[in-house]
C-alpha atoms as a PDB file:
ATOM      1  CA  MET A   1      15.130 -12.271 -21.391  1.00  0.00           C
ATOM      2  CA  ALA A   2      15.384  -9.061 -19.191  1.00  0.00           C
ATOM      3  CA  GLN A   3      12.198  -8.072 -19.915  1.00  0.00           C
ATOM      4  CA  TRP A   4      10.723 -11.932 -19.126  1.00  0.00           C
ATOM      5  CA  LEU A   5      12.690 -11.728 -16.421  1.00  0.00           C
ATOM      6  CA  THR A   6      11.355  -8.749 -14.863  1.00  0.00           C
ATOM      7  CA  ARG A   7       8.085 -10.157 -15.612  1.00  0.00           C
ATOM      8  CA  VAL A   8       8.647 -12.924 -13.565  1.00  0.00           C
ATOM      9  CA  CYS A   9      10.129 -11.414 -11.581  1.00  0.00           C
ATOM     10  CA  ARG A  10       7.068  -9.514 -10.388  1.00  0.00           C
ATOM     11  CA  VAL A  11       4.938 -11.539 -10.968  1.00  0.00           C
ATOM     12  CA  VAL A  12       5.911 -13.942  -8.101  1.00  0.00           C
ATOM     13  CA  TYR A  13       6.410 -10.400  -6.075  1.00  0.00           C
ATOM     14  CA  ASN A  14       2.568  -9.867  -6.461  1.00  0.00           C
ATOM     15  CA  ARG A  15       1.230 -13.170  -5.986  1.00  0.00           C
ATOM     16  CA  GLY A  16      -0.348 -14.358  -1.894  1.00  0.00           C
ATOM     17  CA  MET A  17       0.052 -11.120  -1.082  1.00  0.00           C
ATOM     18  CA  SER A  18      -1.980  -7.825  -1.118  1.00  0.00           C
ATOM     19  CA  ASN A  19      -0.272  -4.646  -2.354  1.00  0.00           C
ATOM     20  CA  ALA A  20      -3.246  -2.291  -1.426  1.00  0.00           C
ATOM     21  CA  GLU A  21      -2.306   0.488  -0.035  1.00  0.00           C
ATOM     22  CA  THR A  22      -5.702   1.380   1.618  1.00  0.00           C
ATOM     23  CA  LEU A  23      -7.644  -0.308   3.686  1.00  0.00           C
ATOM     24  CA  ASN A  24     -10.722  -2.611   2.508  1.00  0.00           C
ATOM     25  CA  GLN A  25     -13.386  -0.933   2.977  1.00  0.00           C
ATOM     26  CA  THR A  26     -15.817  -3.016   0.431  1.00  0.00           C
ATOM     27  CA  PHE A  27     -18.674  -5.399   1.845  1.00  0.00           C
ATOM     28  CA  PRO A  28     -18.933  -8.475   1.690  1.00  0.00           C
ATOM     29  CA  TYR A  29     -15.129 -10.108   2.991  1.00  0.00           C
ATOM     30  CA  THR A  30     -14.302 -12.948   4.506  1.00  0.00           C
ATOM     31  CA  LEU A  31     -12.190 -12.544   7.829  1.00  0.00           C
ATOM     32  CA  ALA A  32      -9.416 -15.045   7.553  1.00  0.00           C
ATOM     33  CA  LYS A  33      -6.709 -15.948  10.167  1.00  0.00           C
ATOM     34  CA  GLY A  34      -3.881 -13.446   9.174  1.00  0.00           C
ATOM     35  CA  THR A  35      -6.162 -10.637   7.197  1.00  0.00           C
ATOM     36  CA  VAL A  36      -6.763  -6.971   8.065  1.00  0.00           C
ATOM     37  CA  ASN A  37     -10.783  -6.244   6.534  1.00  0.00           C
ATOM     38  CA  GLY A  38     -10.588  -9.532   4.871  1.00  0.00           C
ATOM     39  CA  GLU A  39      -7.316  -9.096   3.068  1.00  0.00           C
ATOM     40  CA  GLU A  40      -3.927 -10.516   3.665  1.00  0.00           C
ATOM     41  CA  LEU A  41      -1.616  -7.478   5.623  1.00  0.00           C
ATOM     42  CA  PRO A  42       1.791  -6.335   2.152  1.00  0.00           C
ATOM     43  CA  THR A  43       5.281  -7.294   3.930  1.00  0.00           C
ATOM     44  CA  ASP A  44       6.077  -4.362   2.954  1.00  0.00           C
ATOM     45  CA  TYR A  45       6.968  -2.059   5.724  1.00  0.00           C
ATOM     46  CA  VAL A  46       5.950   2.036   4.151  1.00  0.00           C
ATOM     47  CA  ILE A  47       2.766   0.299   2.785  1.00  0.00           C
ATOM     48  CA  GLU A  48       2.284  -1.414   6.006  1.00  0.00           C
ATOM     49  CA  ALA A  49       2.742   2.243   8.136  1.00  0.00           C
ATOM     50  CA  LYS A  50       0.263   3.756   5.546  1.00  0.00           C
ATOM     51  CA  LEU A  51      -2.152   1.005   6.542  1.00  0.00           C
ATOM     52  CA  ALA A  52      -1.557   1.456  10.210  1.00  0.00           C
ATOM     53  CA  GLN A  53      -2.084   5.054  10.153  1.00  0.00           C
ATOM     54  CA  GLU A  54      -5.063   4.587   7.671  1.00  0.00           C
ATOM     55  CA  ALA A  55      -6.905   2.625  10.855  1.00  0.00           C
ATOM     56  CA  ALA A  56      -5.540   4.718  13.650  1.00  0.00           C
ATOM     57  CA  ASP A  57      -7.468   6.992  11.578  1.00  0.00           C
ATOM     58  CA  LEU A  58     -10.716   4.785  11.221  1.00  0.00           C
ATOM     59  CA  SER A  59     -10.732   3.885  14.768  1.00  0.00           C
ATOM     60  CA  GLY A  60      -9.830   7.032  16.882  1.00  0.00           C
ATOM     61  CA  SER A  61      -8.932   4.821  19.728  1.00  0.00           C
ATOM     62  CA  LEU A  62      -5.204   3.463  19.219  1.00  0.00           C
ATOM     63  CA  ASP A  63      -1.946   5.856  17.671  1.00  0.00           C
ATOM     64  CA  LYS A  64       0.260   4.439  14.627  1.00  0.00           C
ATOM     65  CA  GLN A  65       2.692   2.466  16.337  1.00  0.00           C
ATOM     66  CA  GLN A  66      -0.006   0.379  18.123  1.00  0.00           C
ATOM     67  CA  TRP A  67      -1.599  -0.280  14.503  1.00  0.00           C
ATOM     68  CA  ARG A  68       2.144  -1.271  13.330  1.00  0.00           C
ATOM     69  CA  THR A  69       2.504  -3.991  16.395  1.00  0.00           C
ATOM     70  CA  ILE A  70      -1.264  -5.564  15.978  1.00  0.00           C
ATOM     71  CA  PHE A  71      -0.117  -6.127  12.333  1.00  0.00           C
ATOM     72  CA  ALA A  72       2.927  -7.793  13.330  1.00  0.00           C
ATOM     73  CA  ALA A  73       1.045  -9.646  15.472  1.00  0.00           C
ATOM     74  CA  ILE A  74      -2.038 -11.037  12.981  1.00  0.00           C
ATOM     75  CA  ARG A  75       1.419 -11.554  10.301  1.00  0.00           C
ATOM     76  CA  SER A  76       3.546 -13.478  12.783  1.00  0.00           C
ATOM     77  CA  GLY A  77       0.976 -15.114  14.906  1.00  0.00           C
ATOM     78  CA  LEU A  78       2.660 -14.408  18.581  1.00  0.00           C
ATOM     79  CA  PRO A  79       1.327 -13.112  20.964  1.00  0.00           C
ATOM     80  CA  VAL A  80       0.206  -9.133  22.552  1.00  0.00           C
ATOM     81  CA  ILE A  81      -0.029  -7.426  25.582  1.00  0.00           C
ATOM     82  CA  ILE A  82      -3.801  -6.040  25.538  1.00  0.00           C
ATOM     83  CA  THR A  83      -4.583  -3.725  28.474  1.00  0.00           C
ATOM     84  CA  ARG A  84      -8.566  -3.429  27.990  1.00  0.00           C
ATOM     85  CA  THR A  85     -11.446  -1.729  29.733  1.00  0.00           C
ATOM     86  CA  VAL A  86     -14.326  -3.673  30.994  1.00  0.00           C
ATOM     87  CA  GLU A  87     -17.289  -3.643  32.454  1.00  0.00           C
ATOM     88  CA  ASN A  88     -17.614  -1.169  35.419  1.00  0.00           C
ATOM     89  CA  GLY A  89     -14.247   0.485  34.297  1.00  0.00           C
ATOM     90  CA  ARG A  90     -11.851  -2.182  35.464  1.00  0.00           C
ATOM     91  CA  THR A  91      -8.514  -2.334  33.708  1.00  0.00           C
ATOM     92  CA  GLU A  92      -7.968  -5.868  32.243  1.00  0.00           C
ATOM     93  CA  LYS A  93      -4.586  -7.270  31.151  1.00  0.00           C
ATOM     94  CA  VAL A  94      -4.363 -10.214  28.631  1.00  0.00           C
ATOM     95  CA  THR A  95      -1.668 -11.818  26.636  1.00  0.00           C
ATOM     96  CA  ALA A  96      -4.184 -12.712  23.330  1.00  0.00           C
ATOM     97  CA  ILE A  97      -2.523 -14.228  19.784  1.00  0.00           C
ATOM     98  CA  ILE A  98      -4.571 -11.746  17.080  1.00  0.00           C
ATOM     99  CA  THR A  99      -6.640 -13.762  14.376  1.00  0.00           C
ATOM    100  CA  TYR A 100      -7.527 -11.204  12.346  1.00  0.00           C
ATOM    101  CA  ALA A 101      -8.813  -7.298  13.053  1.00  0.00           C
ATOM    102  CA  SER A 102     -11.811  -5.533  10.945  1.00  0.00           C
ATOM    103  CA  VAL A 103     -11.583  -1.879  10.967  1.00  0.00           C
ATOM    104  CA  HIS A 104     -14.410   0.079   9.949  1.00  0.00           C
ATOM    105  CA  THR A 105     -15.149   3.651  12.432  1.00  0.00           C
ATOM    106  CA  PRO A 106     -14.784   3.542  16.076  1.00  0.00           C
ATOM    107  CA  SER A 107     -17.344   1.859  17.481  1.00  0.00           C
ATOM    108  CA  SER A 108     -17.536  -0.957  14.527  1.00  0.00           C
ATOM    109  CA  SER A 109     -13.530  -2.072  15.185  1.00  0.00           C
ATOM    110  CA  ARG A 110     -13.086  -4.656  16.132  1.00  0.00           C
ATOM    111  CA  ILE A 111     -10.160  -7.709  16.619  1.00  0.00           C
ATOM    112  CA  ARG A 112     -10.102 -11.280  17.419  1.00  0.00           C
ATOM    113  CA  VAL A 113      -7.790 -12.377  19.910  1.00  0.00           C
ATOM    114  CA  SER A 114      -7.536 -16.181  20.993  1.00  0.00           C
ATOM    115  CA  TYR A 115      -6.749 -16.392  24.801  1.00  0.00           C
ATOM    116  CA  TRP A 116      -6.775 -19.773  27.090  1.00  0.00           C
ATOM    117  CA  GLY A 117      -7.517 -21.438  24.589  1.00  0.00           C
ATOM    118  CA  PHE A 118     -11.031 -19.682  23.119  1.00  0.00           C
ATOM    119  CA  GLY A 119     -11.446 -16.848  20.156  1.00  0.00           C
ATOM    120  CA  HIS A 120     -12.994 -13.775  21.520  1.00  0.00           C
ATOM    121  CA  TYR A 121     -14.488 -10.194  20.017  1.00  0.00           C
ATOM    122  CA  ILE A 122     -11.994  -6.586  21.677  1.00  0.00           C
ATOM    123  CA  HIS A 123     -13.300  -3.475  20.139  1.00  0.00           C
ATOM    124  CA  VAL A 124     -10.848  -1.353  19.511  1.00  0.00           C
ATOM    125  CA  SER A 125     -12.192   1.622  21.678  1.00  0.00           C
ATOM    126  CA  LYS A 126     -11.878  -0.388  24.670  1.00  0.00           C
ATOM    127  CA  ILE A 127      -8.202  -1.578  24.138  1.00  0.00           C
ATOM    128  CA  GLN A 128      -6.289   1.086  26.145  1.00  0.00           C
ATOM    129  CA  SER A 129      -2.343  -0.217  24.951  1.00  0.00           C
ATOM    130  CA  VAL A 130      -0.776  -3.143  22.485  1.00  0.00           C
ATOM    131  CA  GLU A 131       2.675  -3.953  23.717  1.00  0.00           C
ATOM    132  CA  THR A 132       4.597  -6.823  22.496  1.00  0.00           C
ATOM    133  CA  PRO A 133       5.674  -9.169  26.010  1.00  0.00           C
ATOM    134  CA  SER A 134       9.190  -8.813  27.305  1.00  0.00           C
ATOM    135  CA  VAL A 135      11.111 -11.194  27.325  1.00  0.00           C
ATOM    136  CA  GLU A 136      13.190 -13.091  30.231  1.00  0.00           C
ATOM    137  CA  PHE A 137      16.041 -14.890  30.380  1.00  0.00           C
ATOM    138  CA  VAL A 138      16.749 -17.366  33.103  1.00  0.00           C
ATOM    139  CA  LYS A 139      20.133 -19.610  33.897  1.00  0.00           C
END
């Protein structure tokens, strides 16, 4: 009985989520909502931290904590504030919902975001910071 229960729990735990401890680097893959490099993000915070460190090493411009914020935003669908460099060296700050990410090299890593009702790609090399929005309680 104990073996059967252990097996059932393992199958239920593994169903529907990736247990990959490294970022998927194989082509082709389908970038879908809630994925990074075509694979669903794991819910285990230890594995997520390893993936965030790997993404930080691959992309070169964002640190581990910023990637963890991006991963949380992808998984939850909640908005984040992205500060990025646009043409002519200007800085732009947008509140966006991150749909998915593709992380490979500093020049090819990008995220898909939605703001003002439209979808956009933002290259990770142009991002200066990623932060969660502040909450203000009004009486």
